[in-house]
């Protein structure tokens, strides 16, 4: 099965990535669950961090996204979904071909 996964990505004060959202997922995945992964797209945050404290709504605008596609080994879908939900950095994921959003 193939999944499209949208990760939340927090920007650093310099405008780069302040975290590795894909790394959060990879640390929860057992060997053999993912057969292949492909980077699709990165969207930059609307607001860049400054040295001044951010207001609550500005913090949300400092979030960008990364989109990846994962080819999951047959019969390992539930393990993959569990790892996604445990990663804490997922916005949404979709089973490709069905449009089923989770």
C-alpha atoms as a PDB file:
ATOM      1  CA  UNK A   1       0.000   0.000   0.000  1.00  0.00           C
ATOM      2  CA  UNK A   2       1.114   3.552  -0.661  1.00  0.00           C
ATOM      3  CA  UNK A   3       0.519   6.431   1.703  1.00  0.00           C
ATOM      4  CA  UNK A   4       0.927  10.177   1.279  1.00  0.00           C
ATOM      5  CA  UNK A   5       1.961  11.730   4.596  1.00  0.00           C
ATOM      6  CA  UNK A   6       1.927  15.425   5.506  1.00  0.00           C
ATOM      7  CA  UNK A   7       4.369  16.261   8.295  1.00  0.00           C
ATOM      8  CA  UNK A   8       4.335  19.458  10.369  1.00  0.00           C
ATOM      9  CA  UNK A   9       7.671  21.295  10.166  1.00  0.00           C
ATOM     10  CA  UNK A  10       8.597  24.082  12.584  1.00  0.00           C
ATOM     11  CA  UNK A  11      10.863  26.819  11.189  1.00  0.00           C
ATOM     12  CA  UNK A  12      13.957  28.011  13.025  1.00  0.00           C
ATOM     13  CA  UNK A  13      14.799  31.660  13.637  1.00  0.00           C
ATOM     14  CA  UNK A  14      17.082  31.526  10.591  1.00  0.00           C
ATOM     15  CA  UNK A  15      14.209  30.318   8.394  1.00  0.00           C
ATOM     16  CA  UNK A  16      15.402  26.711   8.076  1.00  0.00           C
ATOM     17  CA  UNK A  17      13.907  23.651   9.668  1.00  0.00           C
ATOM     18  CA  UNK A  18      14.045  23.586  13.480  1.00  0.00           C
ATOM     19  CA  UNK A  19      13.179  19.894  13.620  1.00  0.00           C
ATOM     20  CA  UNK A  20      13.292  16.738  11.521  1.00  0.00           C
ATOM     21  CA  UNK A  21       9.672  15.543  11.397  1.00  0.00           C
ATOM     22  CA  UNK A  22      10.552  12.494   9.284  1.00  0.00           C
ATOM     23  CA  UNK A  23      13.061  11.467  11.945  1.00  0.00           C
ATOM     24  CA  UNK A  24      10.280  11.280  14.538  1.00  0.00           C
ATOM     25  CA  UNK A  25       8.523   8.701  12.362  1.00  0.00           C
ATOM     26  CA  UNK A  26      11.651   6.733  11.489  1.00  0.00           C
ATOM     27  CA  UNK A  27      12.490   6.213  15.145  1.00  0.00           C
ATOM     28  CA  UNK A  28       9.130   4.398  15.626  1.00  0.00           C
ATOM     29  CA  UNK A  29       9.333   2.173  12.536  1.00  0.00           C
ATOM     30  CA  UNK A  30      10.499  -1.424  12.750  1.00  0.00           C
ATOM     31  CA  UNK A  31      12.728  -2.907  10.053  1.00  0.00           C
ATOM     32  CA  UNK A  32      10.860  -3.896   6.889  1.00  0.00           C
ATOM     33  CA  UNK A  33       7.687  -1.829   7.321  1.00  0.00           C
ATOM     34  CA  UNK A  34       8.620   0.797   4.717  1.00  0.00           C
ATOM     35  CA  UNK A  35       9.836  -0.526   1.381  1.00  0.00           C
ATOM     36  CA  UNK A  36      10.479   2.895  -0.135  1.00  0.00           C
ATOM     37  CA  UNK A  37       9.971   6.575   0.727  1.00  0.00           C
ATOM     38  CA  UNK A  38       9.934   9.563  -1.615  1.00  0.00           C
ATOM     39  CA  UNK A  39      10.070  13.268  -0.766  1.00  0.00           C
ATOM     40  CA  UNK A  40       7.302  15.114  -2.647  1.00  0.00           C
ATOM     41  CA  UNK A  41       7.038  18.736  -1.520  1.00  0.00           C
ATOM     42  CA  UNK A  42       7.949  21.239   1.197  1.00  0.00           C
ATOM     43  CA  UNK A  43       5.845  24.306   1.945  1.00  0.00           C
ATOM     44  CA  UNK A  44       7.490  27.173   3.766  1.00  0.00           C
ATOM     45  CA  UNK A  45       5.821  28.695   6.808  1.00  0.00           C
ATOM     46  CA  UNK A  46       3.829  31.903   6.349  1.00  0.00           C
ATOM     47  CA  UNK A  47       5.720  33.709   9.124  1.00  0.00           C
ATOM     48  CA  UNK A  48       9.413  33.567   9.925  1.00  0.00           C
ATOM     49  CA  UNK A  49      10.634  33.588  13.502  1.00  0.00           C
ATOM     50  CA  UNK A  50      12.075  36.781  14.855  1.00  0.00           C
ATOM     51  CA  UNK A  51      13.976  37.502  18.040  1.00  0.00           C
ATOM     52  CA  UNK A  52      10.809  38.973  19.569  1.00  0.00           C
ATOM     53  CA  UNK A  53       8.390  36.605  21.327  1.00  0.00           C
ATOM     54  CA  UNK A  54       5.709  35.320  18.986  1.00  0.00           C
ATOM     55  CA  UNK A  55       2.013  35.806  19.549  1.00  0.00           C
ATOM     56  CA  UNK A  56      -0.082  32.640  19.627  1.00  0.00           C
ATOM     57  CA  UNK A  57      -1.370  33.007  16.050  1.00  0.00           C
ATOM     58  CA  UNK A  58       2.144  33.794  14.802  1.00  0.00           C
ATOM     59  CA  UNK A  59       3.380  30.483  16.211  1.00  0.00           C
ATOM     60  CA  UNK A  60       0.910  28.623  14.001  1.00  0.00           C
ATOM     61  CA  UNK A  61       2.009  30.598  10.956  1.00  0.00           C
ATOM     62  CA  UNK A  62       5.607  29.566  11.710  1.00  0.00           C
ATOM     63  CA  UNK A  63       4.706  25.986  10.789  1.00  0.00           C
ATOM     64  CA  UNK A  64       5.386  24.618   7.326  1.00  0.00           C
ATOM     65  CA  UNK A  65       4.855  21.133   5.957  1.00  0.00           C
ATOM     66  CA  UNK A  66       6.741  18.339   4.255  1.00  0.00           C
ATOM     67  CA  UNK A  67       4.922  15.809   2.096  1.00  0.00           C
ATOM     68  CA  UNK A  68       6.314  12.304   1.631  1.00  0.00           C
ATOM     69  CA  UNK A  69       5.033   9.135  -0.034  1.00  0.00           C
ATOM     70  CA  UNK A  70       5.643   5.764   1.593  1.00  0.00           C
ATOM     71  CA  UNK A  71       5.383   2.301   0.069  1.00  0.00           C
ATOM     72  CA  UNK A  72       4.444   0.057   2.992  1.00  0.00           C
ATOM     73  CA  UNK A  73       5.102  -3.696   2.993  1.00  0.00           C
ATOM     74  CA  UNK A  74       2.037  -5.900   2.596  1.00  0.00           C
ATOM     75  CA  UNK A  75       0.379  -6.716   5.897  1.00  0.00           C
ATOM     76  CA  UNK A  76       2.300  -3.989   7.800  1.00  0.00           C
ATOM     77  CA  UNK A  77      -0.224  -1.163   7.341  1.00  0.00           C
ATOM     78  CA  UNK A  78      -1.412  -1.065  10.949  1.00  0.00           C
ATOM     79  CA  UNK A  79       2.174  -0.895  12.252  1.00  0.00           C
ATOM     80  CA  UNK A  80       2.844   1.997   9.872  1.00  0.00           C
ATOM     81  CA  UNK A  81      -0.315   3.854  10.934  1.00  0.00           C
ATOM     82  CA  UNK A  82       0.535   3.342  14.610  1.00  0.00           C
ATOM     83  CA  UNK A  83       4.022   4.778  14.043  1.00  0.00           C
ATOM     84  CA  UNK A  84       2.510   7.782  12.229  1.00  0.00           C
ATOM     85  CA  UNK A  85       0.139   8.521  15.084  1.00  0.00           C
ATOM     86  CA  UNK A  86       2.904   8.079  17.691  1.00  0.00           C
ATOM     87  CA  UNK A  87       5.325  10.400  15.875  1.00  0.00           C
ATOM     88  CA  UNK A  88       3.539  13.581  16.988  1.00  0.00           C
ATOM     89  CA  UNK A  89       4.447  15.394  13.777  1.00  0.00           C
ATOM     90  CA  UNK A  90       1.713  14.269  11.383  1.00  0.00           C
ATOM     91  CA  UNK A  91      -0.880  16.670   9.982  1.00  0.00           C
ATOM     92  CA  UNK A  92      -2.662  13.984   7.946  1.00  0.00           C
ATOM     93  CA  UNK A  93      -2.042  10.868   5.919  1.00  0.00           C
ATOM     94  CA  UNK A  94      -3.898   9.432   2.943  1.00  0.00           C
ATOM     95  CA  UNK A  95      -4.026   5.971   1.453  1.00  0.00           C
ATOM     96  CA  UNK A  96      -3.096   6.667  -2.175  1.00  0.00           C
ATOM     97  CA  UNK A  97      -5.609   5.393  -4.679  1.00  0.00           C
ATOM     98  CA  UNK A  98      -8.561   5.511  -2.295  1.00  0.00           C
ATOM     99  CA  UNK A  99      -8.445   9.112  -1.105  1.00  0.00           C
ATOM    100  CA  UNK A 100      -9.151   7.838   2.413  1.00  0.00           C
ATOM    101  CA  UNK A 101      -7.849  10.493   4.804  1.00  0.00           C
ATOM    102  CA  UNK A 102      -6.937   9.667   8.348  1.00  0.00           C
END
